[in-house]
Protein backbone atom coordinates (compact mmCIF):
# COMPACT_ATOMS: atom_id res chain seq x y z
CA ALA A 1 -22.38 17.95 27.58
CA PHE A 2 -22.28 14.89 29.89
CA SER A 3 -19.31 13.14 28.33
CA GLY A 4 -16.46 11.28 29.91
CA THR A 5 -14.89 7.86 29.75
CA PRO A 6 -15.33 4.88 32.09
CA SER A 7 -11.96 5.77 33.64
CA GLY A 8 -13.00 9.39 34.10
CA SER A 9 -10.55 10.73 31.53
CA PRO A 10 -11.69 13.20 28.83
CA TYR A 11 -13.44 12.01 25.72
CA GLY A 12 -11.65 13.20 22.56
CA ALA A 13 -13.86 14.09 19.60
CA ALA A 14 -13.25 13.11 15.98
CA ASP A 15 -11.74 16.56 15.61
CA PRO A 16 -8.48 16.34 17.64
CA SER A 17 -8.80 20.01 18.60
CA VAL A 18 -11.97 19.24 20.60
CA SER A 19 -12.33 17.23 23.80
CA TYR A 20 -15.12 16.79 26.31
CA ALA A 21 -13.64 16.85 29.79
CA GLY A 22 -16.71 16.04 31.90
CA SER A 23 -17.20 12.71 33.63
CA ALA A 24 -20.73 13.19 34.96
CA ALA A 25 -22.13 10.77 32.34
CA ARG A 26 -20.63 7.86 34.31
CA ARG A 27 -23.23 8.30 37.04
CA LEU A 28 -26.30 8.97 34.93
CA LYS A 29 -28.79 6.15 35.54
CA GLN A 30 -31.73 7.65 33.68
CA VAL A 31 -32.23 10.23 30.95
CA VAL A 32 -35.73 11.47 30.10
CA PHE A 33 -36.31 13.91 27.25
CA ALA A 34 -39.40 15.76 28.47
CA GLY A 35 -41.79 17.78 26.32
CA THR A 36 -41.21 18.88 22.74
CA ARG A 37 -39.11 21.60 21.19
CA THR A 38 -40.24 23.87 18.38
CA ARG A 39 -37.08 23.38 16.36
CA GLY A 40 -36.44 19.85 17.52
CA LEU A 41 -33.65 18.30 19.58
CA VAL A 42 -30.03 17.87 18.49
CA ILE A 43 -27.85 15.42 20.47
CA GLY A 44 -24.29 16.35 19.62
CA GLU A 45 -21.12 14.34 19.21
CA GLY A 46 -20.06 12.56 22.40
CA ALA A 47 -22.92 14.10 24.42
CA PHE A 48 -23.41 11.04 26.68
CA TYR A 49 -20.12 9.29 25.94
CA GLY A 50 -19.19 6.86 28.73
CA ALA A 51 -22.61 6.84 30.45
CA ASP A 52 -22.02 3.38 31.88
CA ALA A 53 -24.91 3.47 34.35
CA LEU A 54 -27.54 3.85 31.62
CA SER A 55 -29.32 0.62 30.70
CA SER A 56 -32.05 2.02 28.46
CA ILE A 57 -32.90 5.16 26.53
CA THR A 58 -35.87 6.43 24.53
CA LEU A 59 -35.01 8.69 21.63
CA PRO A 60 -37.68 11.41 21.70
CA ALA A 61 -40.26 12.30 19.07
CA ASP A 62 -38.63 15.62 18.22
CA LEU A 63 -35.06 14.29 17.68
CA VAL A 64 -33.85 15.93 14.48
CA LYS A 65 -30.13 15.09 14.67
CA LEU A 66 -28.04 12.45 16.41
CA GLU A 67 -24.30 12.85 15.97
CA LYS A 68 -21.40 10.40 16.03
CA PHE A 69 -20.43 8.86 19.42
CA ALA A 70 -23.44 10.53 21.08
CA PHE A 71 -24.01 7.41 23.24
CA GLY A 72 -20.60 5.81 22.71
CA ALA A 73 -18.88 3.62 25.32
CA THR A 74 -22.17 3.02 27.16
CA LYS A 75 -21.47 -0.62 27.97
CA ASN A 76 -24.71 -1.28 29.84
CA LEU A 77 -27.01 0.57 27.46
CA VAL A 78 -28.59 -2.48 25.83
CA ASN A 79 -32.22 -1.37 25.33
CA VAL A 80 -33.17 1.46 22.98
CA GLU A 81 -36.60 2.65 21.89
CA VAL A 82 -36.95 4.96 18.89
CA ALA A 83 -39.97 7.20 19.48
CA ILE A 84 -39.00 9.70 16.79
CA ASN A 85 -42.01 11.09 14.92
CA ARG A 86 -40.78 12.81 11.77
CA GLU A 87 -41.22 12.35 8.05
CA MET A 88 -37.89 11.97 6.26
CA THR A 89 -36.54 10.62 3.02
CA VAL A 90 -33.89 7.90 3.16
CA ASP A 91 -31.14 10.41 2.36
CA GLU A 92 -32.41 12.88 4.96
CA SER A 93 -32.39 10.15 7.58
CA LYS A 94 -28.79 9.15 6.75
CA ASN A 95 -27.68 12.76 7.20
CA ALA A 96 -29.68 13.26 10.41
CA TYR A 97 -28.77 10.11 12.35
CA ALA A 98 -25.06 9.38 12.16
CA THR A 99 -23.34 6.07 11.63
CA GLY A 100 -21.54 5.37 14.91
CA ALA A 101 -23.97 7.27 17.15
CA PHE A 102 -23.90 4.38 19.66
CA SER A 103 -20.30 3.35 18.94
CA ASP A 104 -17.20 4.03 20.99
CA LYS A 105 -14.03 5.24 19.33
CA ASP A 106 -12.85 1.65 18.82
CA GLY A 107 -15.99 0.75 16.86
CA LYS A 108 -17.68 -1.23 19.66
CA TYR A 109 -21.46 -1.24 20.08
CA TYR A 110 -23.52 -2.63 22.98
CA VAL A 111 -27.22 -2.31 22.03
CA LYS A 112 -29.03 -5.68 22.13
CA ASN A 113 -32.73 -4.83 21.86
CA LEU A 114 -34.15 -2.17 19.58
CA VAL A 115 -37.80 -1.11 19.40
CA ILE A 116 -38.75 1.16 16.50
CA GLY A 117 -41.97 3.11 17.01
CA ASP A 118 -44.79 3.11 14.45
CA ASP A 119 -44.10 6.73 13.40
CA ALA A 120 -40.29 6.60 13.24
CA PRO A 121 -38.61 7.41 9.93
CA PHE A 122 -36.51 4.88 8.07
CA MET A 123 -32.96 4.64 9.43
CA GLU A 124 -29.92 2.42 8.91
CA VAL A 125 -30.15 0.66 12.24
CA CYS A 126 -26.89 -1.33 12.10
CA GLY A 127 -24.85 1.76 11.30
CA ILE A 128 -26.41 3.71 14.16
CA PHE A 129 -26.88 1.02 16.84
CA GLY A 130 -24.40 -1.64 15.70
CA ALA A 131 -24.88 -5.16 14.34
CA LYS A 132 -22.61 -7.46 16.33
CA ASN A 133 -24.66 -7.49 19.56
CA LEU A 134 -28.05 -6.55 18.15
CA GLU A 135 -30.23 -9.57 18.96
CA LYS A 136 -33.73 -8.31 18.24
CA ILE A 137 -35.45 -5.51 16.35
CA THR A 138 -39.15 -4.84 16.78
CA VAL A 139 -40.75 -2.63 14.13
CA GLY A 140 -44.46 -3.29 14.78
CA ASN A 141 -46.68 -1.59 12.21
CA ASN A 142 -44.19 0.97 11.02
CA PRO A 143 -44.85 1.48 7.26
CA ASN A 144 -41.29 2.66 6.56
CA PHE A 145 -39.81 -0.82 7.02
CA ALA A 146 -40.30 -4.23 5.39
CA THR A 147 -39.27 -7.56 6.89
CA GLU A 148 -38.47 -11.08 5.74
CA SER A 149 -38.00 -14.39 7.55
CA ASN A 150 -40.01 -13.44 10.62
CA GLY A 151 -38.15 -10.19 11.11
CA GLU A 152 -34.64 -11.64 10.76
CA ILE A 153 -33.99 -9.51 7.68
CA LEU A 154 -35.02 -5.86 7.53
CA PHE A 155 -35.36 -3.46 4.58
CA ASP A 156 -36.84 -0.08 3.80
CA LYS A 157 -40.47 -0.20 2.69
CA ASP A 158 -39.58 -0.68 -1.02
CA LYS A 159 -36.89 -3.27 -0.29
CA THR A 160 -34.26 -1.14 -2.01
CA THR A 161 -32.03 -0.87 1.09
CA ILE A 162 -31.14 -3.82 3.30
CA ILE A 163 -30.39 -2.67 6.85
CA TYR A 164 -30.44 -5.73 9.14
CA TYR A 165 -29.48 -9.42 8.95
CA ALA A 166 -29.90 -11.27 12.23
CA ASP A 167 -27.11 -13.19 13.94
CA SER A 168 -29.56 -16.05 14.46
CA ARG A 169 -29.56 -16.90 10.74
CA LYS A 170 -27.54 -19.99 9.83
CA ASP A 171 -27.01 -19.29 6.10
CA GLU A 172 -23.62 -20.14 4.62
CA GLU A 173 -24.65 -18.44 1.38
CA TYR A 174 -26.92 -15.46 0.89
CA VAL A 175 -28.16 -13.81 -2.30
CA ILE A 176 -29.13 -10.20 -1.80
CA PRO A 177 -32.53 -9.57 -3.44
CA GLU A 178 -32.46 -8.02 -6.92
CA THR A 179 -34.58 -5.10 -5.69
CA VAL A 180 -31.78 -3.88 -3.41
CA THR A 181 -29.80 -0.82 -4.54
CA SER A 182 -28.04 -0.09 -1.25
CA ILE A 183 -26.42 -2.32 1.40
CA GLY A 184 -26.60 -0.43 4.69
CA ALA A 185 -23.76 0.23 7.10
CA GLY A 186 -22.77 -2.77 9.22
CA VAL A 187 -25.59 -5.06 8.00
CA PHE A 188 -23.48 -8.21 7.79
CA ASP A 189 -20.80 -7.19 10.29
CA SER A 190 -19.45 -10.25 12.16
CA LYS A 191 -21.81 -12.76 10.47
CA TYR A 192 -19.34 -15.56 11.00
CA ARG A 193 -21.38 -18.32 9.26
CA LEU A 194 -21.48 -16.67 5.83
CA LYS A 195 -19.12 -18.21 3.27
CA LYS A 196 -20.48 -16.68 0.07
CA ILE A 197 -22.42 -13.53 -0.69
CA THR A 198 -23.98 -12.59 -4.05
CA ILE A 199 -24.57 -8.92 -4.77
CA GLY A 200 -26.99 -7.84 -7.48
CA SER A 201 -26.28 -5.62 -10.46
CA LYS A 202 -28.52 -2.80 -9.17
CA VAL A 203 -26.56 -2.22 -5.96
CA ALA A 204 -25.04 1.27 -6.09
CA THR A 205 -23.59 1.55 -2.56
CA ILE A 206 -22.06 -0.88 -0.11
CA GLY A 207 -22.08 0.84 3.28
CA GLU A 208 -19.41 1.32 5.90
CA ASN A 209 -18.45 -1.97 7.61
CA ALA A 210 -21.15 -3.76 5.59
CA PHE A 211 -19.30 -7.12 5.60
CA ALA A 212 -16.58 -6.34 8.16
CA ASN A 213 -15.34 -9.21 10.34
CA CYS A 214 -17.07 -11.94 8.27
CA THR A 215 -14.29 -14.36 9.16
CA ALA A 216 -15.73 -17.32 7.21
CA LEU A 217 -16.49 -15.37 4.03
CA GLU A 218 -14.56 -16.91 1.12
CA GLU A 219 -16.23 -15.48 -1.97
CA VAL A 220 -18.04 -12.31 -3.01
CA SER A 221 -19.87 -12.59 -6.31
CA PHE A 222 -21.27 -9.63 -8.23
CA THR A 223 -24.11 -10.32 -10.70
CA LYS A 224 -23.30 -8.96 -14.16
CA THR A 225 -25.50 -6.33 -15.72
CA ALA A 226 -27.85 -7.80 -18.33
CA ALA A 227 -27.22 -7.00 -21.98
CA GLY A 228 -28.91 -3.81 -23.12
CA VAL A 229 -29.27 -2.48 -19.55
CA ASP A 230 -27.34 0.57 -18.39
CA GLU A 231 -24.78 -0.22 -15.71
CA VAL A 232 -25.27 1.24 -12.24
CA SER A 233 -22.15 2.89 -10.81
CA LEU A 234 -20.96 1.28 -7.56
CA VAL A 235 -19.29 2.86 -4.52
CA ILE A 236 -17.77 0.42 -2.01
CA GLY A 237 -17.69 2.10 1.40
CA LYS A 238 -15.21 2.46 4.23
CA ASN A 239 -14.05 -0.81 5.81
CA ALA A 240 -16.70 -2.68 3.78
CA PHE A 241 -14.78 -6.01 3.78
CA THR A 242 -12.16 -5.37 6.45
CA LYS A 243 -10.94 -8.42 8.40
CA CYS A 244 -12.59 -10.95 6.08
CA SER A 245 -9.63 -13.20 6.76
CA LYS A 246 -10.69 -16.11 4.49
CA LEU A 247 -11.79 -14.04 1.53
CA VAL A 248 -9.96 -15.50 -1.45
CA LYS A 249 -12.08 -14.60 -4.45
CA VAL A 250 -13.51 -11.18 -5.19
CA GLU A 251 -13.82 -9.81 -8.70
CA ILE A 252 -14.53 -6.12 -8.31
CA PRO A 253 -17.12 -5.26 -10.99
CA THR A 254 -16.29 -2.94 -13.86
CA ARG A 255 -19.05 -0.56 -12.82
CA THR A 256 -17.17 0.35 -9.60
CA ILE A 257 -16.05 3.98 -9.34
CA GLU A 258 -14.73 4.17 -5.76
CA ILE A 259 -13.13 1.83 -3.20
CA GLY A 260 -13.37 3.18 0.35
CA GLU A 261 -10.80 3.58 3.10
CA GLY A 262 -9.75 0.30 4.68
CA CYS A 263 -12.08 -1.56 2.29
CA PHE A 264 -10.05 -4.80 2.11
CA GLU A 265 -7.74 -4.16 5.07
CA ARG A 266 -6.56 -7.38 6.77
CA CYS A 267 -8.07 -9.66 4.13
CA ASP A 268 -5.25 -12.12 4.68
CA ALA A 269 -6.14 -14.74 2.04
CA ILE A 270 -6.25 -12.50 -1.04
CA THR A 271 -3.18 -12.99 -3.27
CA GLU A 272 -3.99 -10.65 -6.16
CA ILE A 273 -6.19 -7.59 -6.60
CA THR A 274 -7.19 -6.16 -9.96
CA VAL A 275 -8.94 -2.83 -9.66
CA PRO A 276 -11.03 -2.49 -12.84
CA GLU A 277 -11.11 0.34 -15.32
CA GLY A 278 -13.64 2.92 -14.20
CA VAL A 279 -12.41 3.23 -10.61
CA VAL A 280 -11.47 6.87 -10.02
CA ALA A 281 -10.66 6.96 -6.29
CA ILE A 282 -9.21 4.60 -3.66
CA GLY A 283 -9.31 5.38 0.07
CA ASP A 284 -6.36 5.30 2.43
CA ARG A 285 -5.58 1.87 3.99
CA ALA A 286 -7.72 0.16 1.32
CA PHE A 287 -5.41 -2.87 1.13
CA ASN A 288 -3.33 -2.55 4.30
CA ASP A 289 -2.10 -5.62 6.13
CA CYS A 290 -3.13 -8.20 3.51
CA ASP A 291 -0.65 -10.92 4.45
CA GLU A 292 -0.78 -12.97 1.22
CA LEU A 293 -1.19 -10.16 -1.31
CA VAL A 294 1.49 -10.41 -4.01
CA VAL A 295 0.27 -8.38 -7.01
CA VAL A 296 -1.90 -5.27 -7.34
CA ASN A 297 -3.11 -4.04 -10.73
CA LEU A 298 -4.46 -0.50 -10.86
CA PRO A 299 -6.47 1.03 -13.74
CA ALA A 300 -5.77 3.87 -16.16
CA THR A 301 -8.85 5.67 -14.80
CA LEU A 302 -7.48 6.03 -11.24
CA GLU A 303 -7.14 9.72 -10.39
CA TYR A 304 -6.45 9.95 -6.66
CA PHE A 305 -6.10 8.30 -3.28
CA TYR A 306 -7.97 9.98 -0.44
CA GLU A 307 -8.52 10.18 3.29
CA THR A 308 -11.64 11.41 5.06
CA SER A 309 -11.35 14.40 7.39
CA ALA A 310 -13.27 14.92 10.64
CA ASP A 311 -15.98 16.79 8.71
CA GLU A 312 -16.38 13.79 6.35
CA LYS A 313 -14.72 15.51 3.38
CA LYS A 314 -12.63 13.33 1.08
CA ASN A 315 -9.24 14.96 0.67
CA PRO A 316 -6.85 13.73 -2.02
CA ILE A 317 -3.49 12.65 -0.59
CA GLN A 318 -0.17 11.77 -2.15
CA ASP A 319 1.79 10.57 0.88
CA LEU A 320 -0.33 7.52 1.56
CA ALA A 321 -0.47 4.20 3.36
CA VAL A 322 -2.65 2.05 1.11
CA PHE A 323 -0.48 -1.09 1.05
CA THR A 324 1.22 -0.88 4.45
CA ALA A 325 2.26 -4.21 6.05
CA CYS A 326 1.57 -6.24 2.89
CA GLU A 327 4.77 -8.19 3.46
CA LYS A 328 4.55 -10.38 0.33
CA LEU A 329 3.58 -7.60 -2.07
CA ALA A 330 6.04 -7.76 -4.97
CA GLU A 331 4.62 -5.39 -7.58
CA ILE A 332 2.13 -2.59 -8.06
CA ASN A 333 1.17 -2.17 -11.70
CA ILE A 334 -0.55 0.79 -13.39
CA ALA A 335 -2.37 0.37 -16.68
CA ALA A 336 -1.00 2.31 -19.66
CA GLY A 337 -2.58 5.69 -20.23
CA ASN A 338 -2.96 6.76 -16.60
CA GLU A 339 -2.32 10.51 -16.34
CA TYR A 340 -1.80 10.60 -12.58
CA PHE A 341 0.32 7.58 -11.64
CA VAL A 342 3.04 5.39 -13.13
CA SER A 343 4.64 2.13 -12.06
CA TYR A 344 8.43 2.18 -12.20
CA ASP A 345 9.78 -1.35 -11.88
CA GLY A 346 6.74 -2.25 -9.77
CA ILE A 347 7.05 0.86 -7.56
CA LEU A 348 4.02 3.18 -7.42
CA CYS A 349 4.81 6.83 -8.26
CA THR A 350 2.90 9.96 -9.13
CA ALA A 351 3.19 11.04 -12.77
CA GLU A 352 3.78 14.31 -14.57
CA LYS A 353 3.60 14.93 -18.30
CA VAL A 354 6.94 16.08 -19.73
CA ASP A 355 7.50 16.38 -23.49
CA ASP A 356 4.45 14.26 -24.36
CA LYS A 357 5.26 11.45 -21.96
CA TYR A 358 4.52 10.75 -18.31
CA VAL A 359 7.49 10.57 -15.93
CA ALA A 360 7.72 9.49 -12.29
CA ARG A 361 7.80 12.31 -9.71
CA THR A 362 6.89 11.15 -6.16
CA VAL A 363 7.60 7.65 -4.91
CA LEU A 364 4.41 6.65 -3.08
CA CYS A 365 4.94 2.98 -2.31
CA SER A 366 7.67 0.46 -2.90
CA PRO A 367 6.27 -3.08 -2.45
CA ALA A 368 7.45 -4.63 0.81
CA ALA A 369 8.84 -7.72 -0.97
CA LYS A 370 11.03 -5.65 -3.30
CA ALA A 371 14.56 -7.05 -2.99
CA GLY A 372 18.17 -6.28 -3.83
CA VAL A 373 19.28 -3.06 -5.52
CA VAL A 374 16.63 -0.45 -6.34
CA THR A 375 17.44 2.17 -8.96
CA LEU A 376 15.12 5.17 -9.10
CA PRO A 377 14.73 7.44 -12.14
CA ALA A 378 16.39 10.87 -12.25
CA THR A 379 12.94 12.47 -12.60
CA ILE A 380 11.99 11.72 -8.98
CA THR A 381 11.49 14.88 -6.86
CA ARG A 382 10.09 13.38 -3.65
CA LEU A 383 10.09 10.20 -1.61
CA GLY A 384 6.72 10.20 0.16
CA ASN A 385 5.77 9.19 3.69
CA ASN A 386 6.45 5.48 4.29
CA ALA A 387 7.60 5.07 0.68
CA PHE A 388 10.01 2.23 1.54
CA ASN A 389 8.54 1.38 4.93
CA ASN A 390 9.47 -2.19 5.99
CA ASN A 391 11.16 -3.06 2.69
CA VAL A 392 13.21 -5.69 4.51
CA GLU A 393 14.94 -7.18 1.44
CA ILE A 394 16.31 -4.01 -0.22
CA THR A 395 20.10 -3.77 0.15
CA GLU A 396 20.88 -0.60 -1.84
CA ILE A 397 19.00 2.42 -3.19
CA LYS A 398 20.49 4.59 -5.90
CA PHE A 399 19.37 7.07 -8.54
CA GLU A 400 19.94 7.20 -12.26
CA GLU A 401 22.21 9.98 -13.42
CA GLY A 402 20.24 12.87 -14.82
CA ASN A 403 19.12 16.37 -14.08
CA ASP A 404 21.08 17.78 -11.14
CA GLU A 405 18.68 20.73 -11.01
CA VAL A 406 15.94 18.50 -9.56
CA GLU A 407 15.52 19.16 -5.83
CA LEU A 408 14.62 16.03 -3.86
CA SER A 409 12.47 16.16 -0.72
CA PHE A 410 11.51 13.49 1.79
CA GLY A 411 8.42 12.60 3.79
CA SER A 412 8.45 10.94 7.22
CA LYS A 413 9.56 7.36 7.94
CA VAL A 414 10.62 6.93 4.32
CA PHE A 415 13.03 4.05 5.04
CA ASN A 416 11.77 2.87 8.41
CA GLY A 417 12.28 -0.87 8.73
CA CYS A 418 14.64 -1.27 5.75
CA THR A 419 16.70 -3.65 7.85
CA LYS A 420 19.02 -4.88 5.07
CA LEU A 421 19.76 -1.51 3.48
CA THR A 422 23.56 -1.14 3.72
CA THR A 423 24.38 1.57 1.16
CA PHE A 424 22.55 4.66 0.02
CA ASN A 425 23.92 7.03 -2.62
CA LEU A 426 21.92 10.21 -2.13
CA PRO A 427 21.01 11.77 -5.48
CA VAL A 428 22.61 14.78 -7.06
CA GLY A 429 20.11 17.63 -6.76
CA MET A 430 19.30 16.92 -3.12
CA LYS A 431 19.73 20.07 -0.99
CA ASN A 432 18.73 19.10 2.55
CA ILE A 433 19.31 15.96 4.63
CA PRO A 434 16.40 15.97 7.11
CA GLN A 435 16.20 14.68 10.65
CA ASN A 436 15.84 10.89 11.08
CA LEU A 437 15.96 10.26 7.33
CA PHE A 438 17.46 6.80 7.89
CA TYR A 439 15.60 5.92 11.06
CA GLY A 440 15.03 2.16 11.25
CA CYS A 441 17.77 1.24 8.74
CA GLU A 442 19.69 -0.81 11.28
CA ALA A 443 22.13 -2.33 8.73
CA LEU A 444 23.06 0.94 6.97
CA ARG A 445 26.76 1.62 7.28
CA LYS A 446 27.66 3.98 4.42
CA VAL A 447 26.08 7.12 3.00
CA VAL A 448 27.41 9.11 0.04
CA ILE A 449 26.43 12.79 0.14
CA PRO A 450 26.12 14.65 -3.20
CA TYR A 451 27.77 17.99 -3.92
CA THR A 452 24.37 19.74 -4.10
CA VAL A 453 23.53 19.32 -0.38
CA GLU A 454 23.35 22.69 1.38
CA ASN A 455 22.22 21.70 4.88
CA ILE A 456 22.55 18.74 7.23
CA GLU A 457 19.93 18.74 10.01
CA VAL A 458 20.29 17.38 13.54
CA ARG A 459 20.17 13.58 13.81
CA ALA A 460 20.32 13.32 10.04
CA PHE A 461 22.19 10.01 10.30
CA TYR A 462 20.52 8.50 13.37
CA LEU A 463 19.44 4.91 12.64
CA GLY A 464 17.23 4.39 15.67
CA SER A 465 19.60 3.19 18.39
CA SER A 466 23.07 3.79 19.73
CA SER A 467 24.14 0.24 18.81
CA ASN A 468 23.37 0.51 15.07
CA CYS A 469 25.44 3.30 13.55
CA LEU A 470 26.92 4.58 10.30
CA THR A 471 30.64 3.90 9.99
CA SER A 472 31.31 5.77 6.75
CA ILE A 473 30.14 9.16 5.45
CA GLU A 474 31.56 10.24 2.12
CA PHE A 475 31.13 13.63 0.44
CA MET A 476 31.12 13.76 -3.37
CA PRO A 477 33.48 16.40 -4.79
CA THR A 478 32.03 19.25 -6.82
CA PRO A 479 32.56 18.36 -10.50
CA GLU A 480 34.70 20.55 -12.68
CA GLY A 481 32.60 23.28 -14.26
CA LYS A 482 30.03 23.27 -11.43
CA THR A 483 29.75 26.04 -8.82
CA ALA A 484 30.44 24.84 -5.29
CA VAL A 485 27.33 25.00 -3.07
CA PRO A 486 27.96 26.29 0.49
CA LEU A 487 27.33 23.57 3.10
CA THR A 488 26.02 24.27 6.62
CA ILE A 489 25.93 21.72 9.42
CA ALA A 490 23.03 22.60 11.74
CA ASP A 491 23.32 23.65 15.38
CA GLY A 492 22.59 20.87 17.83
CA ALA A 493 22.47 20.23 21.56
CA TYR A 494 24.50 17.98 23.84
CA TYR A 495 23.44 17.35 27.41
CA SER A 496 25.33 15.47 30.10
CA TYR A 497 23.57 14.13 33.19
CA SER A 498 23.94 11.45 35.83
CA TYR A 499 21.97 8.20 35.58
CA SER A 500 22.34 5.71 38.48
CA GLY A 501 25.58 7.39 39.40
CA ALA A 502 27.15 7.03 35.93
CA PRO A 503 27.60 9.91 33.45
CA SER A 504 25.17 9.81 30.50
CA TYR A 505 24.59 12.01 27.50
CA TYR A 506 21.65 13.13 25.38
CA VAL A 507 22.78 13.86 21.85
CA HIS A 508 20.76 16.01 19.47
CA THR A 509 23.35 16.85 16.82
CA ALA A 510 23.90 16.53 13.09
CA PHE A 511 26.24 13.55 13.36
CA ALA A 512 24.71 11.93 16.44
CA TYR A 513 25.63 8.24 16.79
CA VAL A 514 27.91 8.20 13.74
CA LYS A 515 30.86 5.86 14.51
CA ALA A 516 33.23 6.92 11.74
CA THR A 517 36.74 7.53 13.06
CA SER A 518 37.71 9.86 10.22
CA ILE A 519 35.63 12.46 8.39
CA VAL A 520 36.77 14.66 5.53
CA LEU A 521 34.54 17.70 5.08
CA PRO A 522 34.26 19.09 1.54
CA GLU A 523 35.91 22.37 0.52
CA ARG A 524 32.49 24.01 0.26
CA THR A 525 31.69 23.66 4.00
CA VAL A 526 31.14 27.14 5.51
CA ARG A 527 29.75 26.46 8.97
CA ILE A 528 30.08 23.69 11.55
CA GLY A 529 27.15 24.04 13.94
CA ALA A 530 27.15 23.89 17.71
CA TYR A 531 27.88 20.39 19.04
CA ALA A 532 27.90 19.04 15.46
CA PHE A 533 30.43 16.31 16.30
CA ALA A 534 29.99 16.22 20.06
CA GLY A 535 30.45 12.82 21.66
CA LEU A 536 31.84 11.14 18.54
CA GLY A 537 34.83 8.82 18.67
CA ILE A 538 36.59 10.45 15.71
CA THR A 539 40.35 10.50 15.74
CA GLU A 540 40.83 12.68 12.67
CA ILE A 541 38.87 15.40 10.89
CA GLU A 542 39.94 17.69 8.06
CA ILE A 543 38.46 21.19 8.27
CA PRO A 544 38.73 22.99 4.93
CA ALA A 545 39.68 26.64 4.44
CA SER A 546 36.11 27.41 3.38
CA VAL A 547 34.88 27.07 7.01
CA THR A 548 34.27 30.50 8.56
CA SER A 549 32.37 29.49 11.71
CA ILE A 550 32.65 26.67 14.23
CA GLY A 551 29.89 26.56 16.82
CA GLN A 552 29.97 26.10 20.57
CA GLY A 553 31.11 22.68 21.69
CA ALA A 554 31.38 21.45 18.10
CA PHE A 555 33.93 18.79 19.08
CA SER A 556 33.24 18.43 22.80
CA GLU A 557 33.52 14.97 24.41
CA CYS A 558 35.18 13.47 21.32
CA ASN A 559 36.74 10.61 23.24
CA ALA A 560 38.21 8.06 20.84
């Protein structure tokens, strides 16, 4: 309603299809919510985003809902009073007042002083108002909150949820009270003195960003459940331990069922992660950018990886980025008996049951430190997004001989950054060579194309620059007894223009930037698309009798 950004540009909502184009919020110096409303007040997502002139706000008595980013990017809004007067359960409060309500889209909060009125319901203050800059919370006689250490630590009235831990505390170690069952969002965010945290056996949820940016934290200890006592299932939330750069030791308890998105992202000191049996789901980016991580062990109980949509739904994904930029990661292991995933020579793949055994189907992640020649099983049907992303030590990828009826598909950026990959024998069964398949493979010089390929798309062999190019493309002959599959080379485009007085060209063709001087097309080729070989330096090409159509400009500007 009043949204904008400090620069005056539109604020984009969590849903990319929505944006708030106003910039009036930049000049608002005061907002007063007068009177009361029968049905209560809802302050929607991004309503006052970028209201830089605001220095204080009072949330009114009839506020029933406060959505994400409502007061985001309000850099001078440092004083907030909560005058809400409503009875709510803890769960109702969490649903009504969103985590990130005072956050900008980069996760920055600015509130320093928070006053909670005597009639306000319980709320997770660090999730809503932020923890990093929050210097003081005043709760007065509100019966919905309990305090310790002169207000430096704040809980709900029963001390089952911890929601605030002051920056002023000098503890290097902290033991969360045994009464606590939930660690609120952002409670320990950026508590740079903490070196060890002990979490009790009754804790069922660790909130979003609960221990994020604890740069001195070295150890997280989970108290074991006493004998004869039923274990409490544990969900570790989104970004719970992200950027804990000195965290070396964390034994995830066996009662854990879910590890949230970005949970251990950028935990640079961890060398090995063992996800215990019982964990069913792992969020996207859970272990991204862990510089020293070498081994990951995943359980038989793991069913899916997920990402959270704009409406907070957890959607299972297969093309994932859970271990991206873990440059020392050498192996990803899956415990025997998993029905959804398998590890093939340390490479994480989806699984499918065939003849009473589980075979690899989609390559999800090849560890970045994988080196040398990689041989994939004939059962593979897809190489997922980023499957070999930044595998800088792999020199060759090939497939086992097997079922040539299997059709292989590719995600995006499959081989991006495979800087030492020199040879790739595409598998029999592959039907389409997609655009930019080898993008980022700057050392690749030879590709062998199987007899099953039916279509070659534009820029199929583009490696990312005009200086790094394929020098050899070889077509496998159709074996005796097999029916020849018609091959089509896609239509492209070739534009010439003047740049600083010199002629230049934009190439969008099937063989763009290939530097082979001789190409022999297979007998099954039926169509050579427009501009297919335009601008190449080929001196010789053999066009078989099977070709019935040659497109416009197919060999234009072929200047050897």
